[in-house]
Amino acid sequence: MVLHFGNINPSIDINKLDSKKYEVSVSTNKDVKNVNIKTKDGIALFTWANSEMADSLNVPTHGKSFSMDAQKKYSFVISGEENLVAKDITIIDQKRGYSNSIYLLSVFLSLFLMVTFATTKERVQPPKEQKTNLGKDLKDLIRNRPWIILLIIGLLFNVYNSIKQGIVVIYFSHYLHNQLLAASYMVGLMLASIAGAMITSPLGKRFGKRNLFIYALIFSGIVNALLVFLRSG
């Protein structure tokens, strides 16, 4: 979806330098604030051929992110892939691609949530003589110390997960220079979550739900702390 919605219909010229080295020039007919260029296989390395665009190091990377001005040519030296043609180069408007993809997914999410609500039936009926008092229920919750602790832990845990998942695309786009790899990562994360859910019940019976939750948080904290020692490049 990002490739489809982020397509900017660029003009791409390729000049073959040797069997695995090419000079590629790209341009577009409109201004684009943030594009990402790479090969479809994501193997080739890009270095700037435009002296005004290159930084002091001009380190080869598996793609480049930059802003494009209309009718201006941006040139790269691409190495590492053979038989490169124009259709093998992808240039994506990241803002439009990701925004429109999320808008579309949000529409489907809303529809499926409403379908779930409309087709879900409550099978456990409360006693007819039972009366509910929302104000009293809220007061009981506020005075319930274990519930307050769980509420705070749950809030912090969700903030942590939101931040971690929110930087996935940023990491794959600007550090690994392969935003499509984020999809594979999310699939792997989903499979790991399913496996975790399947072993939660037996582990909970062995260690207790409270202890298991504490152990899981400690383990997650240690594993994420190890990321400090990883290099960005």
C-alpha atoms as a PDB file:
ATOM      1  CA  MET A   1       0.000   0.000   0.000  1.00  0.00           C
ATOM      2  CA  VAL A   2       2.859   2.378   0.782  1.00  0.00           C
ATOM      3  CA  LEU A   3       4.353   1.697  -2.646  1.00  0.00           C
ATOM      4  CA  HIS A   4       0.983   2.297  -4.307  1.00  0.00           C
ATOM      5  CA  PHE A   5      -0.055   5.466  -2.475  1.00  0.00           C
ATOM      6  CA  GLY A   6       3.485   6.863  -2.301  1.00  0.00           C
ATOM      7  CA  ASN A   7       4.222   6.571  -6.018  1.00  0.00           C
ATOM      8  CA  ILE A   8       5.382   9.936  -7.433  1.00  0.00           C
ATOM      9  CA  ASN A   9       5.800   8.823 -11.092  1.00  0.00           C
ATOM     10  CA  PRO A  10       9.468   9.804 -11.238  1.00  0.00           C
ATOM     11  CA  SER A  11      11.699  10.118 -14.268  1.00  0.00           C
ATOM     12  CA  ILE A  12      14.625   7.682 -13.936  1.00  0.00           C
ATOM     13  CA  ASP A  13      17.761   7.617 -16.124  1.00  0.00           C
ATOM     14  CA  ILE A  14      20.332   4.830 -15.735  1.00  0.00           C
ATOM     15  CA  ASN A  15      23.890   4.906 -17.039  1.00  0.00           C
ATOM     16  CA  LYS A  16      25.802   1.638 -16.672  1.00  0.00           C
ATOM     17  CA  LEU A  17      29.376   2.126 -15.426  1.00  0.00           C
ATOM     18  CA  ASP A  18      30.318  -1.564 -15.103  1.00  0.00           C
ATOM     19  CA  SER A  19      28.610  -4.923 -14.435  1.00  0.00           C
ATOM     20  CA  LYS A  20      27.540  -3.992 -10.896  1.00  0.00           C
ATOM     21  CA  LYS A  21      27.820  -0.205 -10.878  1.00  0.00           C
ATOM     22  CA  TYR A  22      25.421   2.386 -12.282  1.00  0.00           C
ATOM     23  CA  GLU A  23      24.886   6.129 -12.238  1.00  0.00           C
ATOM     24  CA  VAL A  24      21.204   6.865 -11.720  1.00  0.00           C
ATOM     25  CA  SER A  25      19.495  10.262 -12.066  1.00  0.00           C
ATOM     26  CA  VAL A  26      15.946  10.833 -10.849  1.00  0.00           C
ATOM     27  CA  SER A  27      13.543  13.759 -11.025  1.00  0.00           C
ATOM     28  CA  THR A  28       9.865  14.513 -10.599  1.00  0.00           C
ATOM     29  CA  ASN A  29       7.455  17.219 -11.708  1.00  0.00           C
ATOM     30  CA  LYS A  30       6.438  18.297  -8.197  1.00  0.00           C
ATOM     31  CA  ASP A  31       8.005  19.098  -4.839  1.00  0.00           C
ATOM     32  CA  VAL A  32       8.115  16.195  -2.398  1.00  0.00           C
ATOM     33  CA  LYS A  33       9.313  16.794   1.158  1.00  0.00           C
ATOM     34  CA  ASN A  34      10.428  13.284   2.065  1.00  0.00           C
ATOM     35  CA  VAL A  35      11.123  10.513  -0.426  1.00  0.00           C
ATOM     36  CA  ASN A  36      13.003   7.247  -0.071  1.00  0.00           C
ATOM     37  CA  ILE A  37      14.868   5.671  -2.967  1.00  0.00           C
ATOM     38  CA  LYS A  38      16.128   2.097  -3.070  1.00  0.00           C
ATOM     39  CA  THR A  39      16.115  -0.959  -5.302  1.00  0.00           C
ATOM     40  CA  LYS A  40      13.245  -3.427  -5.070  1.00  0.00           C
ATOM     41  CA  ASP A  41      15.563  -6.160  -3.792  1.00  0.00           C
ATOM     42  CA  GLY A  42      17.117  -3.750  -1.292  1.00  0.00           C
ATOM     43  CA  ILE A  43      20.614  -5.121  -1.938  1.00  0.00           C
ATOM     44  CA  ALA A  44      22.294  -2.285  -3.853  1.00  0.00           C
ATOM     45  CA  LEU A  45      24.247   0.454  -2.094  1.00  0.00           C
ATOM     46  CA  PHE A  46      23.602   4.137  -2.837  1.00  0.00           C
ATOM     47  CA  THR A  47      26.106   7.009  -2.685  1.00  0.00           C
ATOM     48  CA  TRP A  48      25.409  10.569  -3.711  1.00  0.00           C
ATOM     49  CA  ALA A  49      26.775  11.753  -7.063  1.00  0.00           C
ATOM     50  CA  ASN A  50      25.431  15.293  -6.440  1.00  0.00           C
ATOM     51  CA  SER A  51      28.217  17.067  -4.555  1.00  0.00           C
ATOM     52  CA  GLU A  52      25.771  19.536  -2.960  1.00  0.00           C
ATOM     53  CA  MET A  53      23.622  16.690  -1.577  1.00  0.00           C
ATOM     54  CA  ALA A  54      26.424  14.500  -0.221  1.00  0.00           C
ATOM     55  CA  ASP A  55      27.469  14.868   3.401  1.00  0.00           C
ATOM     56  CA  SER A  56      31.109  14.895   4.509  1.00  0.00           C
ATOM     57  CA  LEU A  57      31.288  11.086   4.642  1.00  0.00           C
ATOM     58  CA  ASN A  58      28.821  10.115   1.898  1.00  0.00           C
ATOM     59  CA  VAL A  59      28.548   6.619   3.383  1.00  0.00           C
ATOM     60  CA  PRO A  60      27.023   3.976   1.055  1.00  0.00           C
ATOM     61  CA  THR A  61      23.621   2.828   2.313  1.00  0.00           C
ATOM     62  CA  HIS A  62      20.817   0.567   1.048  1.00  0.00           C
ATOM     63  CA  GLY A  63      18.802   3.601  -0.052  1.00  0.00           C
ATOM     64  CA  LYS A  64      18.569   7.320   0.638  1.00  0.00           C
ATOM     65  CA  SER A  65      15.915   9.584   2.159  1.00  0.00           C
ATOM     66  CA  PHE A  66      15.808  13.216   0.992  1.00  0.00           C
ATOM     67  CA  SER A  67      13.590  16.093  -0.206  1.00  0.00           C
ATOM     68  CA  MET A  68      12.972  16.582  -3.930  1.00  0.00           C
ATOM     69  CA  ASP A  69      12.399  19.848  -5.763  1.00  0.00           C
ATOM     70  CA  ALA A  70      10.355  19.799  -8.952  1.00  0.00           C
ATOM     71  CA  GLN A  71      12.333  19.354 -12.185  1.00  0.00           C
ATOM     72  CA  LYS A  72      15.657  19.028 -10.315  1.00  0.00           C
ATOM     73  CA  LYS A  73      17.864  16.022 -11.013  1.00  0.00           C
ATOM     74  CA  TYR A  74      19.275  13.955  -8.153  1.00  0.00           C
ATOM     75  CA  SER A  75      22.105  11.588  -9.010  1.00  0.00           C
ATOM     76  CA  PHE A  76      23.431   8.490  -7.275  1.00  0.00           C
ATOM     77  CA  VAL A  77      26.065   5.870  -7.843  1.00  0.00           C
ATOM     78  CA  ILE A  78      24.468   2.474  -7.233  1.00  0.00           C
ATOM     79  CA  SER A  79      26.553  -0.667  -6.769  1.00  0.00           C
ATOM     80  CA  GLY A  80      25.972  -4.282  -5.779  1.00  0.00           C
ATOM     81  CA  GLU A  81      23.274  -5.425  -8.230  1.00  0.00           C
ATOM     82  CA  GLU A  82      23.493  -6.630 -11.824  1.00  0.00           C
ATOM     83  CA  ASN A  83      21.229  -5.874 -14.797  1.00  0.00           C
ATOM     84  CA  LEU A  84      19.623  -2.898 -13.077  1.00  0.00           C
ATOM     85  CA  VAL A  85      16.794  -1.214 -15.017  1.00  0.00           C
ATOM     86  CA  ALA A  86      14.456   1.671 -14.230  1.00  0.00           C
ATOM     87  CA  LYS A  87      11.639  -0.556 -12.970  1.00  0.00           C
ATOM     88  CA  ASP A  88      13.997  -1.947 -10.309  1.00  0.00           C
ATOM     89  CA  ILE A  89      14.262   1.497  -8.662  1.00  0.00           C
ATOM     90  CA  THR A  90      11.528   2.510  -6.209  1.00  0.00           C
ATOM     91  CA  ILE A  91      11.023   6.123  -5.123  1.00  0.00           C
ATOM     92  CA  ILE A  92       8.326   6.615  -2.499  1.00  0.00           C
ATOM     93  CA  ASP A  93       6.692   9.705  -1.031  1.00  0.00           C
ATOM     94  CA  GLN A  94       6.851   8.411   2.533  1.00  0.00           C
ATOM     95  CA  LYS A  95       4.432  10.925   4.049  1.00  0.00           C
ATOM     96  CA  ARG A  96       1.654  10.350   1.521  1.00  0.00           C
ATOM     97  CA  GLY A  97       2.305   6.610   1.283  1.00  0.00           C
ATOM     98  CA  TYR A  98       2.119   5.921   4.999  1.00  0.00           C
ATOM     99  CA  SER A  99      -0.652   8.452   5.705  1.00  0.00           C
ATOM    100  CA  ASN A 100      -3.015   7.113   3.043  1.00  0.00           C
ATOM    101  CA  SER A 101      -2.267   3.527   4.029  1.00  0.00           C
ATOM    102  CA  ILE A 102      -3.146   4.246   7.657  1.00  0.00           C
ATOM    103  CA  TYR A 103      -6.318   6.112   6.614  1.00  0.00           C
ATOM    104  CA  LEU A 104      -7.466   3.085   4.604  1.00  0.00           C
ATOM    105  CA  LEU A 105      -6.595   0.640   7.384  1.00  0.00           C
ATOM    106  CA  SER A 106      -8.444   2.847   9.886  1.00  0.00           C
ATOM    107  CA  VAL A 107     -11.612   2.700   7.773  1.00  0.00           C
ATOM    108  CA  PHE A 108     -11.468  -1.101   7.702  1.00  0.00           C
ATOM    109  CA  LEU A 109     -10.701  -1.209  11.417  1.00  0.00           C
ATOM    110  CA  SER A 110     -13.772   0.933  12.191  1.00  0.00           C
ATOM    111  CA  LEU A 111     -15.985  -1.231  10.007  1.00  0.00           C
ATOM    112  CA  PHE A 112     -14.747  -4.481  11.546  1.00  0.00           C
ATOM    113  CA  LEU A 113     -15.157  -3.119  15.081  1.00  0.00           C
ATOM    114  CA  MET A 114     -18.768  -2.189  14.345  1.00  0.00           C
ATOM    115  CA  VAL A 115     -19.396  -5.623  12.785  1.00  0.00           C
ATOM    116  CA  THR A 116     -17.873  -7.257  15.870  1.00  0.00           C
ATOM    117  CA  PHE A 117     -20.077  -5.188  18.164  1.00  0.00           C
ATOM    118  CA  ALA A 118     -23.225  -5.882  16.138  1.00  0.00           C
ATOM    119  CA  THR A 119     -22.622  -9.633  15.964  1.00  0.00           C
ATOM    120  CA  THR A 120     -21.468 -10.201  19.549  1.00  0.00           C
ATOM    121  CA  LYS A 121     -24.076 -11.622  21.923  1.00  0.00           C
ATOM    122  CA  GLU A 122     -23.856 -11.472  25.715  1.00  0.00           C
ATOM    123  CA  ARG A 123     -24.674 -14.990  26.879  1.00  0.00           C
ATOM    124  CA  VAL A 124     -24.359 -14.409  30.634  1.00  0.00           C
ATOM    125  CA  GLN A 125     -27.400 -12.461  31.807  1.00  0.00           C
ATOM    126  CA  PRO A 126     -27.251 -10.606  35.148  1.00  0.00           C
ATOM    127  CA  PRO A 127     -29.978 -11.326  37.755  1.00  0.00           C
ATOM    128  CA  LYS A 128     -33.120  -9.263  37.187  1.00  0.00           C
ATOM    129  CA  GLU A 129     -32.993  -7.903  40.748  1.00  0.00           C
ATOM    130  CA  GLN A 130     -29.424  -6.655  40.308  1.00  0.00           C
ATOM    131  CA  LYS A 131     -29.136  -2.893  40.314  1.00  0.00           C
ATOM    132  CA  THR A 132     -26.148  -0.891  39.150  1.00  0.00           C
ATOM    133  CA  ASN A 133     -24.972   2.443  40.461  1.00  0.00           C
ATOM    134  CA  LEU A 134     -22.294   3.975  38.260  1.00  0.00           C
ATOM    135  CA  GLY A 135     -21.245   6.551  40.850  1.00  0.00           C
ATOM    136  CA  LYS A 136     -20.842   3.935  43.575  1.00  0.00           C
ATOM    137  CA  ASP A 137     -18.986   1.624  41.219  1.00  0.00           C
ATOM    138  CA  LEU A 138     -16.520   4.414  40.348  1.00  0.00           C
ATOM    139  CA  LYS A 139     -15.956   5.208  44.044  1.00  0.00           C
ATOM    140  CA  ASP A 140     -15.283   1.541  44.743  1.00  0.00           C
ATOM    141  CA  LEU A 141     -12.753   1.456  41.928  1.00  0.00           C
ATOM    142  CA  ILE A 142     -10.934   4.564  43.159  1.00  0.00           C
ATOM    143  CA  ARG A 143     -10.653   3.041  46.641  1.00  0.00           C
ATOM    144  CA  ASN A 144      -9.451  -0.281  45.253  1.00  0.00           C
ATOM    145  CA  ARG A 145      -5.664  -0.167  45.716  1.00  0.00           C
ATOM    146  CA  PRO A 146      -4.816  -3.282  43.599  1.00  0.00           C
ATOM    147  CA  TRP A 147      -6.935  -1.893  40.756  1.00  0.00           C
ATOM    148  CA  ILE A 148      -5.118   1.469  40.934  1.00  0.00           C
ATOM    149  CA  ILE A 149      -1.756  -0.317  40.768  1.00  0.00           C
ATOM    150  CA  LEU A 150      -2.866  -2.381  37.765  1.00  0.00           C
ATOM    151  CA  LEU A 151      -4.226   0.756  36.093  1.00  0.00           C
ATOM    152  CA  ILE A 152      -0.887   2.575  36.409  1.00  0.00           C
ATOM    153  CA  ILE A 153       1.114  -0.457  35.299  1.00  0.00           C
ATOM    154  CA  GLY A 154      -1.252  -1.018  32.373  1.00  0.00           C
ATOM    155  CA  LEU A 155      -0.994   2.643  31.326  1.00  0.00           C
ATOM    156  CA  LEU A 156       2.821   2.634  31.448  1.00  0.00           C
ATOM    157  CA  PHE A 157       2.940  -0.721  29.641  1.00  0.00           C
ATOM    158  CA  ASN A 158       0.742   0.575  26.821  1.00  0.00           C
ATOM    159  CA  VAL A 159       2.769   3.787  26.514  1.00  0.00           C
ATOM    160  CA  TYR A 160       5.937   1.682  26.291  1.00  0.00           C
ATOM    161  CA  ASN A 161       4.436  -0.574  23.598  1.00  0.00           C
ATOM    162  CA  SER A 162       3.116   2.403  21.623  1.00  0.00           C
ATOM    163  CA  ILE A 163       6.529   4.092  21.601  1.00  0.00           C
ATOM    164  CA  LYS A 164       8.311   0.861  20.667  1.00  0.00           C
ATOM    165  CA  GLN A 165       5.932   0.050  17.819  1.00  0.00           C
ATOM    166  CA  GLY A 166       5.804   3.657  16.681  1.00  0.00           C
ATOM    167  CA  ILE A 167       9.538   3.788  15.964  1.00  0.00           C
ATOM    168  CA  VAL A 168       9.567   0.541  13.970  1.00  0.00           C
ATOM    169  CA  VAL A 169       9.001   2.224  10.606  1.00  0.00           C
ATOM    170  CA  ILE A 170      11.404   5.054  11.489  1.00  0.00           C
ATOM    171  CA  TYR A 171      14.119   2.539  12.384  1.00  0.00           C
ATOM    172  CA  PHE A 172      13.717   0.446   9.244  1.00  0.00           C
ATOM    173  CA  SER A 173      13.456   3.532   6.999  1.00  0.00           C
ATOM    174  CA  HIS A 174      16.286   5.691   8.325  1.00  0.00           C
ATOM    175  CA  TYR A 175      18.683   3.181   9.886  1.00  0.00           C
ATOM    176  CA  LEU A 176      18.281   0.038   7.786  1.00  0.00           C
ATOM    177  CA  HIS A 177      17.007   2.016   4.745  1.00  0.00           C
ATOM    178  CA  ASN A 178      14.433  -0.665   3.945  1.00  0.00           C
ATOM    179  CA  GLN A 179      10.977   0.306   5.171  1.00  0.00           C
ATOM    180  CA  LEU A 180       9.331  -2.717   3.520  1.00  0.00           C
ATOM    181  CA  LEU A 181      11.323  -4.934   5.885  1.00  0.00           C
ATOM    182  CA  ALA A 182       9.177  -3.463   8.678  1.00  0.00           C
ATOM    183  CA  ALA A 183       6.258  -5.543   7.374  1.00  0.00           C
ATOM    184  CA  SER A 184       8.252  -8.758   7.820  1.00  0.00           C
ATOM    185  CA  TYR A 185       9.255  -7.623  11.299  1.00  0.00           C
ATOM    186  CA  MET A 186       5.630  -6.961  12.274  1.00  0.00           C
ATOM    187  CA  VAL A 187       4.594 -10.412  10.992  1.00  0.00           C
ATOM    188  CA  GLY A 188       7.383 -11.978  13.060  1.00  0.00           C
ATOM    189  CA  LEU A 189       6.302  -9.941  16.081  1.00  0.00           C
ATOM    190  CA  MET A 190       2.712 -11.142  15.620  1.00  0.00           C
ATOM    191  CA  LEU A 191       3.812 -14.776  15.444  1.00  0.00           C
ATOM    192  CA  ALA A 192       5.921 -14.311  18.573  1.00  0.00           C
ATOM    193  CA  SER A 193       2.899 -12.759  20.336  1.00  0.00           C
ATOM    194  CA  ILE A 194       0.720 -15.737  19.362  1.00  0.00           C
ATOM    195  CA  ALA A 195       3.367 -18.144  20.683  1.00  0.00           C
ATOM    196  CA  GLY A 196       3.597 -16.098  23.894  1.00  0.00           C
ATOM    197  CA  ALA A 197      -0.166 -16.193  24.356  1.00  0.00           C
ATOM    198  CA  MET A 198      -0.173 -19.985  23.920  1.00  0.00           C
ATOM    199  CA  ILE A 199       2.418 -20.575  26.668  1.00  0.00           C
ATOM    200  CA  THR A 200       0.979 -17.978  29.071  1.00  0.00           C
ATOM    201  CA  SER A 201      -1.582 -20.354  30.572  1.00  0.00           C
ATOM    202  CA  PRO A 202       0.808 -23.198  31.490  1.00  0.00           C
ATOM    203  CA  LEU A 203       3.445 -20.747  32.747  1.00  0.00           C
ATOM    204  CA  GLY A 204       0.801 -18.931  34.775  1.00  0.00           C
ATOM    205  CA  LYS A 205      -0.230 -22.175  36.469  1.00  0.00           C
ATOM    206  CA  ARG A 206       3.392 -22.947  37.331  1.00  0.00           C
ATOM    207  CA  PHE A 207       4.622 -19.531  38.524  1.00  0.00           C
ATOM    208  CA  GLY A 208       1.339 -17.734  39.268  1.00  0.00           C
ATOM    209  CA  LYS A 209      -0.125 -14.939  37.152  1.00  0.00           C
ATOM    210  CA  ARG A 210       1.294 -12.173  39.339  1.00  0.00           C
ATOM    211  CA  ASN A 211       4.826 -13.588  39.366  1.00  0.00           C
ATOM    212  CA  LEU A 212       4.707 -14.376  35.645  1.00  0.00           C
ATOM    213  CA  PHE A 213       3.751 -10.789  34.832  1.00  0.00           C
ATOM    214  CA  ILE A 214       6.601  -9.466  37.000  1.00  0.00           C
ATOM    215  CA  TYR A 215       9.126 -11.863  35.426  1.00  0.00           C
ATOM    216  CA  ALA A 216       7.946 -10.918  31.927  1.00  0.00           C
ATOM    217  CA  LEU A 217       8.405  -7.199  32.624  1.00  0.00           C
ATOM    218  CA  ILE A 218      11.880  -7.746  34.077  1.00  0.00           C
ATOM    219  CA  PHE A 219      12.897  -9.899  31.092  1.00  0.00           C
ATOM    220  CA  SER A 220      11.541  -7.315  28.636  1.00  0.00           C
ATOM    221  CA  GLY A 221      13.384  -4.528  30.443  1.00  0.00           C
ATOM    222  CA  ILE A 222      16.698  -6.401  30.342  1.00  0.00           C
ATOM    223  CA  VAL A 223      16.365  -7.311  26.651  1.00  0.00           C
ATOM    224  CA  ASN A 224      15.466  -3.728  25.667  1.00  0.00           C
ATOM    225  CA  ALA A 225      18.310  -2.342  27.791  1.00  0.00           C
ATOM    226  CA  LEU A 226      20.725  -4.374  25.637  1.00  0.00           C
ATOM    227  CA  LEU A 227      19.719  -2.215  22.633  1.00  0.00           C
ATOM    228  CA  VAL A 228      21.924   0.527  24.091  1.00  0.00           C
ATOM    229  CA  PHE A 229      24.969  -1.496  23.048  1.00  0.00           C
ATOM    230  CA  LEU A 230      23.890  -1.839  19.409  1.00  0.00           C
ATOM    231  CA  ARG A 231      25.364   0.432  16.783  1.00  0.00           C
ATOM    232  CA  SER A 232      22.983   2.446  14.575  1.00  0.00           C
ATOM    233  CA  GLY A 233      24.927   1.646  11.417  1.00  0.00           C
END
